[in-house]
Amino acid sequence: MKQRYDIAAYIWPAYTGNEPRTRMFWQEGIGEWQTVKNSEPKEDGYHWNRKPLWGYQNEADPEVMKQQIKEAVDHGVNVFIYDWYWYDGRPFLENCLNDGFLKAENKDDMKFYLMWANHDANHLWNKDLSDTYGHTVIWRGDVARNEFENVAKRVIEKYFTQPNYYKIDGCPVFMVYDINNLIKGLGGVEKTQQALAWFREQTKAAGFPDLHFQITIWGEKSVNLSGVDSNMEGSTKDVVELLGAGSVSHYQFIHFTNMCRDYLDILDDVAKEWARIDEQYKVPYFPHVSCGWDNNPRYRNFRPTIVTNNTPENFEKGLRMAKEYVDAHPEQAPLVTINSWNEWTETSYLLPDNVNGYGYLDAIKKVFKDEK
């Protein structure tokens, strides 16, 4: 029986050592599990000590993903949004999707789509360098038109054509994480419009009605509309309209509110932000719920921004807010985005651990699957 709501959890595809270029960040060859596994107390006594109940699984293994897909679907998560990367002229971290999810024998039990994580890559992922050189750029995330076309061709041919690729009104959904970086690389809004028009035509030529272009929003950010000079400024809502986006959503609460406080106080701001977007934006907003935030695992030194009181019970309150929003917008797809399936090192994940067990997954099941 088809589930009434589409619950889409982001996936950070770094929990594998199958991608050779990850060795510069995680030398042990197990991806970012190295950071999780080797967590140790900091000088001030703070200890992030989370352990996965399922162990340090290689998520590029189809048998592992077979289990994860089953657990996801059983608990009401029926869509994965894969963070997808393109650096140095080629894909990065595709293994979990290509070799794990897409080769799992039960892959058709759930949908997936891509979020192009087109931010710069830096030393944030390397715990030995993150405190001092965390912002040093290794690979740039912005691309010129020729690289954009290579990205679009790969996405259409390799992913849109998958039977379980997530679509809205028959149109494959493709999300972009950093719209400013996209505009910067392509040389301004006008050239971005042209590039997206080409992408749409290529998508139609592949047999689809159109492209559903989705933008990740971070609140209202100033945007250089020209891509060249600084006298053509706009905001996120201007860009969403100018680029003909089909919808918007968030990736993480931290992108628009202070996360160093009680989770219930954060939810108050979330409700206000959803109302603002609903009033000001002309395209559908798909409500987003984050589990929490604490990125101390990625640093040697203590980072003070930590969400408190983000229990599974309070996470459930955020889910109920999202359900109410979807129910109040019956004209749009019943999609909710969740951060995340496995963002362990940002402490915003659904996977069962030694602290909350299956609590977050059970909350989703209770709200979106068990209750009719």
Protein backbone atom coordinates (compact mmCIF):
# COMPACT_ATOMS: atom_id res chain seq x y z
CA MET A 1 0.00 0.00 0.00
CA LYS A 2 1.35 3.41 -0.98
CA GLN A 3 2.26 5.61 1.94
CA ARG A 4 0.30 8.87 2.15
CA TYR A 5 3.36 11.02 2.95
CA ASP A 6 6.78 11.11 1.30
CA ILE A 7 9.34 11.25 4.09
CA ALA A 8 12.72 12.03 2.58
CA ALA A 9 15.91 11.73 4.63
CA TYR A 10 19.18 13.23 3.44
CA ILE A 11 22.12 10.85 3.13
CA TRP A 12 25.75 11.91 3.65
CA PRO A 13 27.53 9.28 1.51
CA ALA A 14 30.86 9.24 3.35
CA TYR A 15 30.46 6.04 5.35
CA THR A 16 32.54 3.93 3.01
CA GLY A 17 36.22 3.65 2.16
CA ASN A 18 35.50 2.68 -1.45
CA GLU A 19 36.18 6.20 -2.79
CA PRO A 20 40.01 6.54 -3.02
CA ARG A 21 40.00 10.33 -2.67
CA THR A 22 38.50 10.10 0.82
CA ARG A 23 41.86 8.87 2.17
CA MET A 24 43.09 12.45 2.40
CA PHE A 25 40.42 13.02 5.07
CA TRP A 26 40.07 9.56 6.66
CA GLN A 27 43.26 7.53 6.39
CA GLU A 28 41.87 4.31 7.92
CA GLY A 29 39.87 3.58 4.78
CA ILE A 30 36.42 3.42 6.40
CA GLY A 31 35.26 6.91 5.46
CA GLU A 32 33.97 9.23 8.17
CA TRP A 33 33.30 6.25 10.41
CA GLN A 34 36.91 6.93 11.42
CA THR A 35 35.79 10.17 13.09
CA VAL A 36 32.84 8.51 14.79
CA LYS A 37 34.80 5.48 15.99
CA ASN A 38 37.73 7.47 17.36
CA SER A 39 35.74 10.04 19.32
CA GLU A 40 37.56 10.95 22.54
CA PRO A 41 37.05 13.38 25.44
CA LYS A 42 38.13 16.97 24.87
CA GLU A 43 40.30 18.96 27.26
CA ASP A 44 37.30 20.51 28.97
CA GLY A 45 35.82 17.06 29.61
CA TYR A 46 33.17 17.11 26.91
CA HIS A 47 32.83 13.71 25.27
CA TRP A 48 30.71 13.04 22.22
CA ASN A 49 30.36 9.31 22.61
CA ARG A 50 27.89 7.99 20.08
CA LYS A 51 27.97 4.43 18.78
CA PRO A 52 25.89 2.97 15.92
CA LEU A 53 23.76 0.03 17.00
CA TRP A 54 24.25 -1.54 13.57
CA GLY A 55 28.03 -1.14 13.70
CA TYR A 56 30.36 0.72 11.35
CA GLN A 57 28.71 -0.49 8.17
CA ASN A 58 30.08 0.05 4.69
CA GLU A 59 27.15 1.84 3.07
CA ALA A 60 28.50 1.08 -0.41
CA ASP A 61 27.68 -2.59 0.23
CA PRO A 62 24.33 -3.65 -1.31
CA GLU A 63 23.65 -6.09 1.53
CA VAL A 64 24.08 -3.28 4.05
CA MET A 65 21.76 -1.05 2.08
CA LYS A 66 19.24 -3.84 1.73
CA GLN A 67 18.96 -3.86 5.52
CA GLN A 68 18.87 -0.06 5.75
CA ILE A 69 16.19 0.23 3.08
CA LYS A 70 14.03 -2.30 4.90
CA GLU A 71 14.38 -0.47 8.22
CA ALA A 72 13.74 2.90 6.57
CA VAL A 73 10.57 1.77 4.83
CA ASP A 74 9.32 -0.09 7.89
CA HIS A 75 9.59 3.15 9.86
CA GLY A 76 8.01 5.41 7.24
CA VAL A 77 11.10 6.84 5.50
CA ASN A 78 10.32 6.13 1.85
CA VAL A 79 12.72 8.52 0.05
CA PHE A 80 16.48 9.04 0.35
CA ILE A 81 17.98 12.35 -0.81
CA TYR A 82 21.59 11.62 -1.64
CA ASP A 83 24.12 14.40 -1.18
CA TRP A 84 25.86 14.32 -4.57
CA TYR A 85 29.23 15.87 -5.35
CA TRP A 86 31.21 16.97 -8.38
CA TYR A 87 34.80 18.07 -7.78
CA ASP A 88 37.84 18.46 -9.98
CA GLY A 89 35.87 17.62 -13.12
CA ARG A 90 34.37 14.34 -11.90
CA PRO A 91 31.93 12.86 -9.40
CA PHE A 92 32.92 12.35 -5.77
CA LEU A 93 31.39 9.99 -3.18
CA GLU A 94 29.02 8.24 -5.58
CA ASN A 95 29.85 4.77 -4.24
CA CYS A 96 27.14 4.59 -1.58
CA LEU A 97 24.49 5.37 -4.15
CA ASN A 98 25.86 3.48 -7.16
CA ASP A 99 27.26 0.38 -5.46
CA GLY A 100 25.14 0.26 -2.31
CA PHE A 101 21.61 1.59 -2.76
CA LEU A 102 21.16 1.01 -6.50
CA LYS A 103 22.47 -2.56 -6.28
CA ALA A 104 20.35 -3.51 -3.27
CA GLU A 105 17.75 -6.09 -4.31
CA ASN A 106 14.96 -4.16 -2.57
CA LYS A 107 15.91 -0.72 -3.96
CA ASP A 108 12.53 -0.36 -5.66
CA ASP A 109 10.84 -0.37 -2.26
CA MET A 110 11.78 3.29 -1.90
CA LYS A 111 12.51 6.35 -4.02
CA PHE A 112 15.60 8.54 -4.16
CA TYR A 113 16.71 11.83 -5.62
CA LEU A 114 19.83 13.98 -5.68
CA MET A 115 20.85 17.13 -3.91
CA TRP A 116 23.91 18.55 -5.66
CA ALA A 117 26.08 19.55 -2.69
CA ASN A 118 27.92 22.18 -4.73
CA HIS A 119 29.81 23.79 -1.86
CA ASP A 120 33.60 24.01 -1.73
CA ALA A 121 35.43 21.03 -0.22
CA ASN A 122 37.88 21.94 2.52
CA HIS A 123 39.70 20.46 5.51
CA LEU A 124 36.57 20.41 7.66
CA TRP A 125 36.38 16.65 7.14
CA ASN A 126 39.93 16.08 8.42
CA LYS A 127 39.91 16.22 12.21
CA ASP A 128 43.68 16.80 12.33
CA LEU A 129 43.35 19.99 10.27
CA SER A 130 39.80 21.24 10.85
CA ASP A 131 40.48 23.56 13.80
CA THR A 132 43.26 25.45 12.02
CA TYR A 133 42.75 24.92 8.30
CA GLY A 134 39.07 24.01 8.17
CA HIS A 135 38.23 26.70 5.61
CA THR A 136 41.18 26.06 3.29
CA VAL A 137 39.66 25.12 -0.07
CA ILE A 138 40.75 21.84 -1.64
CA TRP A 139 38.20 21.70 -4.47
CA ARG A 140 35.84 24.43 -5.56
CA GLY A 141 32.15 23.65 -5.80
CA ASP A 142 31.21 26.27 -8.39
CA VAL A 143 31.37 25.20 -12.05
CA ALA A 144 31.41 26.95 -15.42
CA ARG A 145 28.89 26.15 -18.16
CA ASN A 146 30.85 23.30 -19.76
CA GLU A 147 31.19 21.54 -16.38
CA PHE A 148 27.53 22.20 -15.64
CA GLU A 149 26.59 20.42 -18.84
CA ASN A 150 28.73 17.43 -17.85
CA VAL A 151 26.96 17.34 -14.49
CA ALA A 152 23.50 17.54 -16.06
CA LYS A 153 24.24 14.84 -18.64
CA ARG A 154 25.47 12.44 -15.98
CA VAL A 155 22.51 13.11 -13.72
CA ILE A 156 19.98 12.60 -16.52
CA GLU A 157 21.56 9.48 -18.00
CA LYS A 158 22.62 7.72 -14.79
CA TYR A 159 19.94 8.72 -12.28
CA PHE A 160 16.80 10.30 -13.74
CA THR A 161 16.31 7.15 -15.81
CA GLN A 162 16.22 4.91 -12.73
CA PRO A 163 12.66 3.62 -12.21
CA ASN A 164 12.70 4.63 -8.53
CA TYR A 165 13.96 8.17 -9.05
CA TYR A 166 11.63 10.55 -7.19
CA LYS A 167 9.40 12.67 -9.40
CA ILE A 168 6.74 15.32 -8.89
CA ASP A 169 4.08 15.35 -11.63
CA GLY A 170 6.34 13.05 -13.61
CA CYS A 171 9.27 15.48 -13.45
CA PRO A 172 12.53 14.29 -11.82
CA VAL A 173 13.42 16.38 -8.79
CA PHE A 174 16.94 17.80 -8.69
CA MET A 175 17.96 19.88 -5.70
CA VAL A 176 20.85 22.36 -5.51
CA TYR A 177 22.41 23.05 -2.13
CA ASP A 178 24.20 26.38 -2.72
CA ILE A 179 22.33 28.48 -5.26
CA ASN A 180 24.78 31.37 -4.80
CA ASN A 181 27.66 29.13 -5.80
CA LEU A 182 25.75 27.90 -8.84
CA ILE A 183 25.14 31.48 -9.98
CA LYS A 184 28.75 32.45 -9.27
CA GLY A 185 30.17 29.62 -11.37
CA LEU A 186 27.82 30.16 -14.29
CA GLY A 187 28.40 33.92 -14.34
CA GLY A 188 25.20 35.51 -13.05
CA VAL A 189 21.48 34.93 -12.98
CA GLU A 190 20.93 35.44 -16.71
CA LYS A 191 23.54 32.83 -17.64
CA THR A 192 22.17 30.52 -14.95
CA GLN A 193 18.71 30.89 -16.50
CA GLN A 194 20.19 29.88 -19.85
CA ALA A 195 21.99 26.89 -18.36
CA LEU A 196 18.86 25.70 -16.58
CA ALA A 197 16.80 26.12 -19.76
CA TRP A 198 19.29 23.86 -21.50
CA PHE A 199 19.07 21.36 -18.60
CA ARG A 200 15.28 21.37 -18.91
CA GLU A 201 15.44 20.70 -22.64
CA GLN A 202 17.85 17.82 -22.10
CA THR A 203 15.53 16.38 -19.46
CA LYS A 204 12.57 16.62 -21.83
CA ALA A 205 14.61 15.02 -24.61
CA ALA A 206 15.19 12.07 -22.26
CA GLY A 207 11.43 11.51 -22.14
CA PHE A 208 10.30 13.48 -19.08
CA PRO A 209 7.70 16.27 -19.00
CA ASP A 210 10.21 18.72 -17.48
CA LEU A 211 12.80 19.15 -14.75
CA HIS A 212 11.61 19.89 -11.21
CA PHE A 213 14.36 22.22 -10.03
CA GLN A 214 14.45 22.46 -6.25
CA ILE A 215 16.47 25.03 -4.30
CA THR A 216 17.82 24.67 -0.78
CA ILE A 217 17.11 27.87 1.13
CA TRP A 218 19.06 29.23 4.08
CA GLY A 219 16.72 32.03 5.12
CA GLU A 220 17.01 35.23 3.10
CA LYS A 221 20.57 35.64 1.84
CA SER A 222 21.91 38.47 -0.27
CA VAL A 223 22.62 37.26 -3.80
CA ASN A 224 24.83 38.90 -6.40
CA LEU A 225 22.54 38.64 -9.39
CA SER A 226 25.14 39.68 -11.96
CA GLY A 227 27.84 37.18 -11.06
CA VAL A 228 30.37 39.89 -11.93
CA ASP A 229 29.90 43.17 -10.09
CA SER A 230 28.24 43.95 -6.78
CA ASN A 231 25.59 46.49 -7.77
CA MET A 232 22.89 43.97 -8.71
CA GLU A 233 21.78 42.57 -5.39
CA GLY A 234 18.78 40.41 -4.66
CA SER A 235 17.59 37.93 -2.06
CA THR A 236 16.89 34.22 -2.08
CA LYS A 237 13.20 34.67 -2.87
CA ASP A 238 14.12 36.81 -5.90
CA VAL A 239 16.43 34.12 -7.23
CA VAL A 240 13.87 31.34 -6.68
CA GLU A 241 11.47 33.19 -8.95
CA LEU A 242 14.06 34.28 -11.52
CA LEU A 243 15.37 30.74 -11.96
CA GLY A 244 11.94 29.16 -12.23
CA ALA A 245 12.39 26.82 -9.30
CA GLY A 246 9.66 24.24 -8.81
CA SER A 247 9.97 24.20 -5.01
CA VAL A 248 12.18 24.96 -2.03
CA SER A 249 13.11 23.22 1.20
CA HIS A 250 15.81 23.39 3.88
CA TYR A 251 18.79 21.16 4.60
CA GLN A 252 19.35 22.01 8.27
CA PHE A 253 17.78 24.26 10.90
CA ILE A 254 21.22 25.75 11.56
CA HIS A 255 21.02 27.55 8.23
CA PHE A 256 18.41 29.97 9.52
CA THR A 257 18.33 29.92 13.32
CA ASN A 258 20.52 29.74 16.43
CA MET A 259 21.03 26.09 17.34
CA CYS A 260 22.78 26.58 20.68
CA ARG A 261 19.61 26.28 22.76
CA ASP A 262 16.61 24.15 23.61
CA TYR A 263 15.05 22.23 20.71
CA LEU A 264 11.54 23.42 21.58
CA ASP A 265 12.67 27.06 21.36
CA ILE A 266 14.14 26.25 17.96
CA LEU A 267 10.81 24.80 16.82
CA ASP A 268 9.16 28.15 17.61
CA ASP A 269 11.52 29.81 15.12
CA VAL A 270 10.92 27.03 12.62
CA ALA A 271 7.17 27.63 12.70
CA LYS A 272 7.75 31.34 12.08
CA GLU A 273 10.11 30.64 9.20
CA TRP A 274 7.64 28.28 7.53
CA ALA A 275 4.91 30.91 7.84
CA ARG A 276 7.20 33.57 6.33
CA ILE A 277 8.11 31.36 3.39
CA ASP A 278 4.47 30.41 2.85
CA GLU A 279 3.56 34.09 2.66
CA GLN A 280 6.49 35.41 0.62
CA TYR A 281 7.37 32.62 -1.82
CA LYS A 282 5.42 31.81 -4.96
CA VAL A 283 6.51 28.15 -5.15
CA PRO A 284 5.75 25.24 -2.83
CA TYR A 285 7.79 24.89 0.33
CA PHE A 286 8.31 21.35 1.58
CA PRO A 287 8.64 21.41 5.37
CA HIS A 288 11.94 20.35 6.85
CA VAL A 289 12.71 18.87 10.27
CA SER A 290 16.24 18.48 11.69
CA CYS A 291 17.08 16.08 14.52
CA GLY A 292 19.60 18.40 16.15
CA TRP A 293 23.12 19.79 15.86
CA ASP A 294 26.54 19.16 17.38
CA ASN A 295 29.58 18.99 15.09
CA ASN A 296 32.17 18.47 17.84
CA PRO A 297 33.22 15.08 16.42
CA ARG A 298 34.92 16.87 13.53
CA TYR A 299 37.15 19.01 15.77
CA ARG A 300 39.85 18.56 18.39
CA ASN A 301 38.76 21.73 20.20
CA PHE A 302 35.34 22.21 21.76
CA ARG A 303 32.59 23.80 19.63
CA PRO A 304 29.91 25.42 21.80
CA THR A 305 26.95 25.24 19.39
CA ILE A 306 24.99 22.24 20.66
CA VAL A 307 21.24 21.67 20.60
CA THR A 308 19.76 20.56 23.90
CA ASN A 309 16.54 18.67 24.67
CA ASN A 310 16.30 17.26 21.13
CA THR A 311 14.80 14.03 22.39
CA PRO A 312 12.86 11.70 20.11
CA GLU A 313 9.70 12.93 21.86
CA ASN A 314 10.46 16.55 20.96
CA PHE A 315 11.55 15.56 17.46
CA GLU A 316 8.08 14.05 17.15
CA LYS A 317 6.63 17.50 17.83
CA GLY A 318 8.57 18.85 14.86
CA LEU A 319 7.26 16.01 12.72
CA ARG A 320 3.69 16.81 13.73
CA MET A 321 4.27 20.42 12.70
CA ALA A 322 5.43 19.19 9.30
CA LYS A 323 2.44 16.89 8.96
CA GLU A 324 0.07 19.75 9.72
CA TYR A 325 1.84 21.92 7.12
CA VAL A 326 1.52 19.21 4.45
CA ASP A 327 -2.13 18.62 5.30
CA ALA A 328 -2.78 22.38 4.99
CA HIS A 329 -1.28 22.37 1.47
CA PRO A 330 -3.11 19.55 -0.33
CA GLU A 331 -2.33 21.09 -3.73
CA GLN A 332 1.38 20.18 -3.45
CA ALA A 333 3.26 16.90 -3.13
CA PRO A 334 3.10 15.43 0.42
CA LEU A 335 6.88 15.72 0.88
CA VAL A 336 8.76 16.28 4.14
CA THR A 337 12.57 16.50 4.26
CA ILE A 338 14.54 15.26 7.27
CA ASN A 339 18.10 15.96 8.36
CA SER A 340 19.13 13.28 8.19
CA TRP A 341 19.52 9.54 7.80
CA ASN A 342 23.17 9.46 8.80
CA GLU A 343 24.82 12.82 9.55
CA TRP A 344 26.60 11.31 12.55
CA THR A 345 29.32 13.94 12.90
CA GLU A 346 26.76 16.75 12.94
CA THR A 347 24.62 14.76 15.43
CA SER A 348 21.53 14.98 13.27
CA TYR A 349 20.68 11.42 12.28
CA LEU A 350 17.86 8.90 12.40
CA LEU A 351 19.96 5.75 12.58
CA PRO A 352 19.74 3.89 15.90
CA ASP A 353 22.52 4.54 18.42
CA ASN A 354 23.54 3.91 22.03
CA VAL A 355 21.82 7.10 23.26
CA ASN A 356 18.32 7.09 21.74
CA GLY A 357 18.07 3.60 20.28
CA TYR A 358 15.41 3.56 17.56
CA GLY A 359 13.70 6.63 19.07
CA TYR A 360 13.88 8.95 16.06
CA LEU A 361 12.83 6.27 13.59
CA ASP A 362 9.98 5.23 15.86
CA ALA A 363 8.80 8.86 16.01
CA ILE A 364 8.53 8.98 12.21
CA LYS A 365 6.69 5.66 12.15
CA LYS A 366 4.26 6.85 14.80
CA VAL A 367 3.43 10.14 13.08
CA PHE A 368 3.46 9.21 9.40
CA LYS A 369 2.81 5.49 9.17
CA ASP A 370 0.92 4.12 12.13
CA GLU A 371 -1.61 6.96 12.46
CA LYS A 372 -4.19 7.06 9.70
